[in-house]
Amino acid sequence: MNILKVEIWSDIVCPFCYIGKHNFSQFLKDLPDGEDIEVINRSC
């Protein structure tokens, strides 16, 4: 099975990054079970 790797670069003080993180977390919750996704969080 393939693993989808997602690398997220964000700034901890940026309000738009906070909104994007929330939206991405919601997306992950809505995925069907069994999807393999590796999320790598990085800060700028």
PDB file of N, CA and C in Angstrom:
ATOM      1  N   MET A   1       0.848  -1.177   0.000  1.00  0.00           N
ATOM      2  CA  MET A   1       0.000   0.000   0.000  1.00  0.00           C
ATOM      3  C   MET A   1       0.895   1.243   0.000  1.00  0.00           C
ATOM      4  N   ASN A   2       0.502   2.265  -0.722  1.00  0.00           N
ATOM      5  CA  ASN A   2       1.261   3.505  -0.792  1.00  0.00           C
ATOM      6  C   ASN A   2       0.924   4.413   0.383  1.00  0.00           C
ATOM      7  N   ILE A   3       1.933   5.130   0.828  1.00  0.00           N
ATOM      8  CA  ILE A   3       1.747   6.099   1.902  1.00  0.00           C
ATOM      9  C   ILE A   3       1.877   7.491   1.299  1.00  0.00           C
ATOM     10  N   LEU A   4       0.900   8.336   1.553  1.00  0.00           N
ATOM     11  CA  LEU A   4       0.944   9.715   1.106  1.00  0.00           C
ATOM     12  C   LEU A   4       1.694  10.524   2.156  1.00  0.00           C
ATOM     13  N   LYS A   5       2.790  11.173   1.750  1.00  0.00           N
ATOM     14  CA  LYS A   5       3.555  12.012   2.671  1.00  0.00           C
ATOM     15  C   LYS A   5       3.188  13.466   2.431  1.00  0.00           C
ATOM     16  N   VAL A   6       2.816  14.153   3.500  1.00  0.00           N
ATOM     17  CA  VAL A   6       2.449  15.565   3.430  1.00  0.00           C
ATOM     18  C   VAL A   6       3.396  16.322   4.347  1.00  0.00           C
ATOM     19  N   GLU A   7       4.098  17.300   3.793  1.00  0.00           N
ATOM     20  CA  GLU A   7       5.008  18.128   4.578  1.00  0.00           C
ATOM     21  C   GLU A   7       4.400  19.521   4.667  1.00  0.00           C
ATOM     22  N   ILE A   8       4.155  19.977   5.890  1.00  0.00           N
ATOM     23  CA  ILE A   8       3.492  21.259   6.118  1.00  0.00           C
ATOM     24  C   ILE A   8       4.487  22.225   6.752  1.00  0.00           C
ATOM     25  N   TRP A   9       4.707  23.346   6.077  1.00  0.00           N
ATOM     26  CA  TRP A   9       5.538  24.422   6.606  1.00  0.00           C
ATOM     27  C   TRP A   9       4.605  25.518   7.092  1.00  0.00           C
ATOM     28  N   SER A  10       4.750  25.907   8.350  1.00  0.00           N
ATOM     29  CA  SER A  10       3.877  26.956   8.871  1.00  0.00           C
ATOM     30  C   SER A  10       4.611  27.788   9.917  1.00  0.00           C
ATOM     31  N   ASP A  11       4.043  28.946  10.190  1.00  0.00           N
ATOM     32  CA  ASP A  11       4.583  29.880  11.173  1.00  0.00           C
ATOM     33  C   ASP A  11       3.639  29.859  12.376  1.00  0.00           C
ATOM     34  N   ILE A  12       4.181  29.697  13.563  1.00  0.00           N
ATOM     35  CA  ILE A  12       3.319  29.539  14.738  1.00  0.00           C
ATOM     36  C   ILE A  12       2.563  30.813  15.107  1.00  0.00           C
ATOM     37  N   VAL A  13       2.993  31.979  14.629  1.00  0.00           N
ATOM     38  CA  VAL A  13       2.291  33.218  14.967  1.00  0.00           C
ATOM     39  C   VAL A  13       1.371  33.705  13.848  1.00  0.00           C
ATOM     40  N   CYS A  14       1.322  32.999  12.735  1.00  0.00           N
ATOM     41  CA  CYS A  14       0.500  33.407  11.591  1.00  0.00           C
ATOM     42  C   CYS A  14      -0.935  32.906  11.775  1.00  0.00           C
ATOM     43  N   PRO A  15      -1.924  33.813  11.787  1.00  0.00           N
ATOM     44  CA  PRO A  15      -3.308  33.366  11.967  1.00  0.00           C
ATOM     45  C   PRO A  15      -3.804  32.509  10.798  1.00  0.00           C
ATOM     46  N   PHE A  16      -3.302  32.753   9.593  1.00  0.00           N
ATOM     47  CA  PHE A  16      -3.732  31.965   8.439  1.00  0.00           C
ATOM     48  C   PHE A  16      -3.182  30.544   8.508  1.00  0.00           C
ATOM     49  N   CYS A  17      -1.989  30.380   9.071  1.00  0.00           N
ATOM     50  CA  CYS A  17      -1.436  29.034   9.261  1.00  0.00           C
ATOM     51  C   CYS A  17      -2.269  28.261  10.278  1.00  0.00           C
ATOM     52  N   TYR A  18      -2.734  28.945  11.320  1.00  0.00           N
ATOM     53  CA  TYR A  18      -3.587  28.307  12.323  1.00  0.00           C
ATOM     54  C   TYR A  18      -4.891  27.826  11.683  1.00  0.00           C
ATOM     55  N   ILE A  19      -5.485  28.661  10.845  1.00  0.00           N
ATOM     56  CA  ILE A  19      -6.727  28.285  10.160  1.00  0.00           C
ATOM     57  C   ILE A  19      -6.472  27.108   9.226  1.00  0.00           C
ATOM     58  N   GLY A  20      -5.359  27.164   8.489  1.00  0.00           N
ATOM     59  CA  GLY A  20      -5.018  26.071   7.581  1.00  0.00           C
ATOM     60  C   GLY A  20      -4.794  24.768   8.319  1.00  0.00           C
ATOM     61  N   LYS A  21      -4.159  24.843   9.497  1.00  0.00           N
ATOM     62  CA  LYS A  21      -3.929  23.634  10.295  1.00  0.00           C
ATOM     63  C   LYS A  21      -5.260  23.040  10.746  1.00  0.00           C
ATOM     64  N   HIS A  22      -6.168  23.900  11.158  1.00  0.00           N
ATOM     65  CA  HIS A  22      -7.493  23.434  11.580  1.00  0.00           C
ATOM     66  C   HIS A  22      -8.220  22.761  10.411  1.00  0.00           C
ATOM     67  N   ASN A  23      -8.188  23.388   9.244  1.00  0.00           N
ATOM     68  CA  ASN A  23      -8.859  22.823   8.068  1.00  0.00           C
ATOM     69  C   ASN A  23      -8.232  21.493   7.659  1.00  0.00           C
ATOM     70  N   PHE A  24      -6.909  21.393   7.731  1.00  0.00           N
ATOM     71  CA  PHE A  24      -6.235  20.145   7.370  1.00  0.00           C
ATOM     72  C   PHE A  24      -6.576  19.041   8.371  1.00  0.00           C
ATOM     73  N   SER A  25      -6.661  19.382   9.650  1.00  0.00           N
ATOM     74  CA  SER A  25      -7.047  18.402  10.672  1.00  0.00           C
ATOM     75  C   SER A  25      -8.461  17.891  10.421  1.00  0.00           C
ATOM     76  N   GLN A  26      -9.352  18.783  10.016  1.00  0.00           N
ATOM     77  CA  GLN A  26     -10.723  18.388   9.693  1.00  0.00           C
ATOM     78  C   GLN A  26     -10.729  17.450   8.491  1.00  0.00           C
ATOM     79  N   PHE A  27      -9.897  17.742   7.485  1.00  0.00           N
ATOM     80  CA  PHE A  27      -9.768  16.888   6.304  1.00  0.00           C
ATOM     81  C   PHE A  27      -9.315  15.485   6.706  1.00  0.00           C
ATOM     82  N   LEU A  28      -8.329  15.399   7.610  1.00  0.00           N
ATOM     83  CA  LEU A  28      -7.829  14.095   8.043  1.00  0.00           C
ATOM     84  C   LEU A  28      -8.913  13.301   8.765  1.00  0.00           C
ATOM     85  N   LYS A  29      -9.747  13.981   9.551  1.00  0.00           N
ATOM     86  CA  LYS A  29     -10.837  13.297  10.254  1.00  0.00           C
ATOM     87  C   LYS A  29     -11.879  12.757   9.282  1.00  0.00           C
ATOM     88  N   ASP A  30     -12.069  13.444   8.159  1.00  0.00           N
ATOM     89  CA  ASP A  30     -13.091  13.051   7.184  1.00  0.00           C
ATOM     90  C   ASP A  30     -12.632  11.945   6.237  1.00  0.00           C
ATOM     91  N   LEU A  31     -11.351  11.586   6.272  1.00  0.00           N
ATOM     92  CA  LEU A  31     -10.849  10.525   5.395  1.00  0.00           C
ATOM     93  C   LEU A  31     -11.400   9.171   5.833  1.00  0.00           C
ATOM     94  N   PRO A  32     -11.609   8.272   4.879  1.00  0.00           N
ATOM     95  CA  PRO A  32     -12.040   6.924   5.254  1.00  0.00           C
ATOM     96  C   PRO A  32     -10.935   6.198   6.029  1.00  0.00           C
ATOM     97  N   ASP A  33     -11.336   5.281   6.876  1.00  0.00           N
ATOM     98  CA  ASP A  33     -10.363   4.494   7.637  1.00  0.00           C
ATOM     99  C   ASP A  33      -9.505   3.679   6.680  1.00  0.00           C
ATOM    100  N   GLY A  34      -8.262   3.494   7.058  1.00  0.00           N
ATOM    101  CA  GLY A  34      -7.367   2.679   6.249  1.00  0.00           C
ATOM    102  C   GLY A  34      -6.462   3.484   5.334  1.00  0.00           C
ATOM    103  N   GLU A  35      -6.668   4.796   5.237  1.00  0.00           N
ATOM    104  CA  GLU A  35      -5.796   5.630   4.415  1.00  0.00           C
ATOM    105  C   GLU A  35      -4.496   5.878   5.181  1.00  0.00           C
ATOM    106  N   ASP A  36      -3.371   5.656   4.522  1.00  0.00           N
ATOM    107  CA  ASP A  36      -2.066   5.855   5.154  1.00  0.00           C
ATOM    108  C   ASP A  36      -1.496   7.202   4.742  1.00  0.00           C
ATOM    109  N   ILE A  37      -1.425   8.122   5.707  1.00  0.00           N
ATOM    110  CA  ILE A  37      -0.890   9.452   5.452  1.00  0.00           C
ATOM    111  C   ILE A  37       0.142   9.758   6.527  1.00  0.00           C
ATOM    112  N   GLU A  38       1.316  10.180   6.089  1.00  0.00           N
ATOM    113  CA  GLU A  38       2.367  10.605   7.009  1.00  0.00           C
ATOM    114  C   GLU A  38       2.438  12.124   6.935  1.00  0.00           C
ATOM    115  N   VAL A  39       2.215  12.790   8.062  1.00  0.00           N
ATOM    116  CA  VAL A  39       2.227  14.249   8.107  1.00  0.00           C
ATOM    117  C   VAL A  39       3.496  14.691   8.823  1.00  0.00           C
ATOM    118  N   ILE A  40       4.255  15.559   8.155  1.00  0.00           N
ATOM    119  CA  ILE A  40       5.483  16.109   8.722  1.00  0.00           C
ATOM    120  C   ILE A  40       5.256  17.603   8.914  1.00  0.00           C
ATOM    121  N   ASN A  41       5.268  18.055  10.162  1.00  0.00           N
ATOM    122  CA  ASN A  41       5.079  19.476  10.465  1.00  0.00           C
ATOM    123  C   ASN A  41       6.433  20.136  10.645  1.00  0.00           C
ATOM    124  N   ARG A  42       6.607  21.254   9.976  1.00  0.00           N
ATOM    125  CA  ARG A  42       7.843  22.033  10.072  1.00  0.00           C
ATOM    126  C   ARG A  42       7.466  23.482  10.364  1.00  0.00           C
ATOM    127  N   SER A  43       8.364  24.199  11.003  1.00  0.00           N
ATOM    128  CA  SER A  43       8.108  25.617  11.264  1.00  0.00           C
ATOM    129  C   SER A  43       9.123  26.471  10.514  1.00  0.00           C
ATOM    130  N   CYS A  44       8.687  27.672  10.154  1.00  0.00           N
ATOM    131  CA  CYS A  44       9.598  28.573   9.433  1.00  0.00           C
ATOM    132  C   CYS A  44      10.116  29.637  10.366  1.00  0.00           C
TER     133      CYS A  44
END
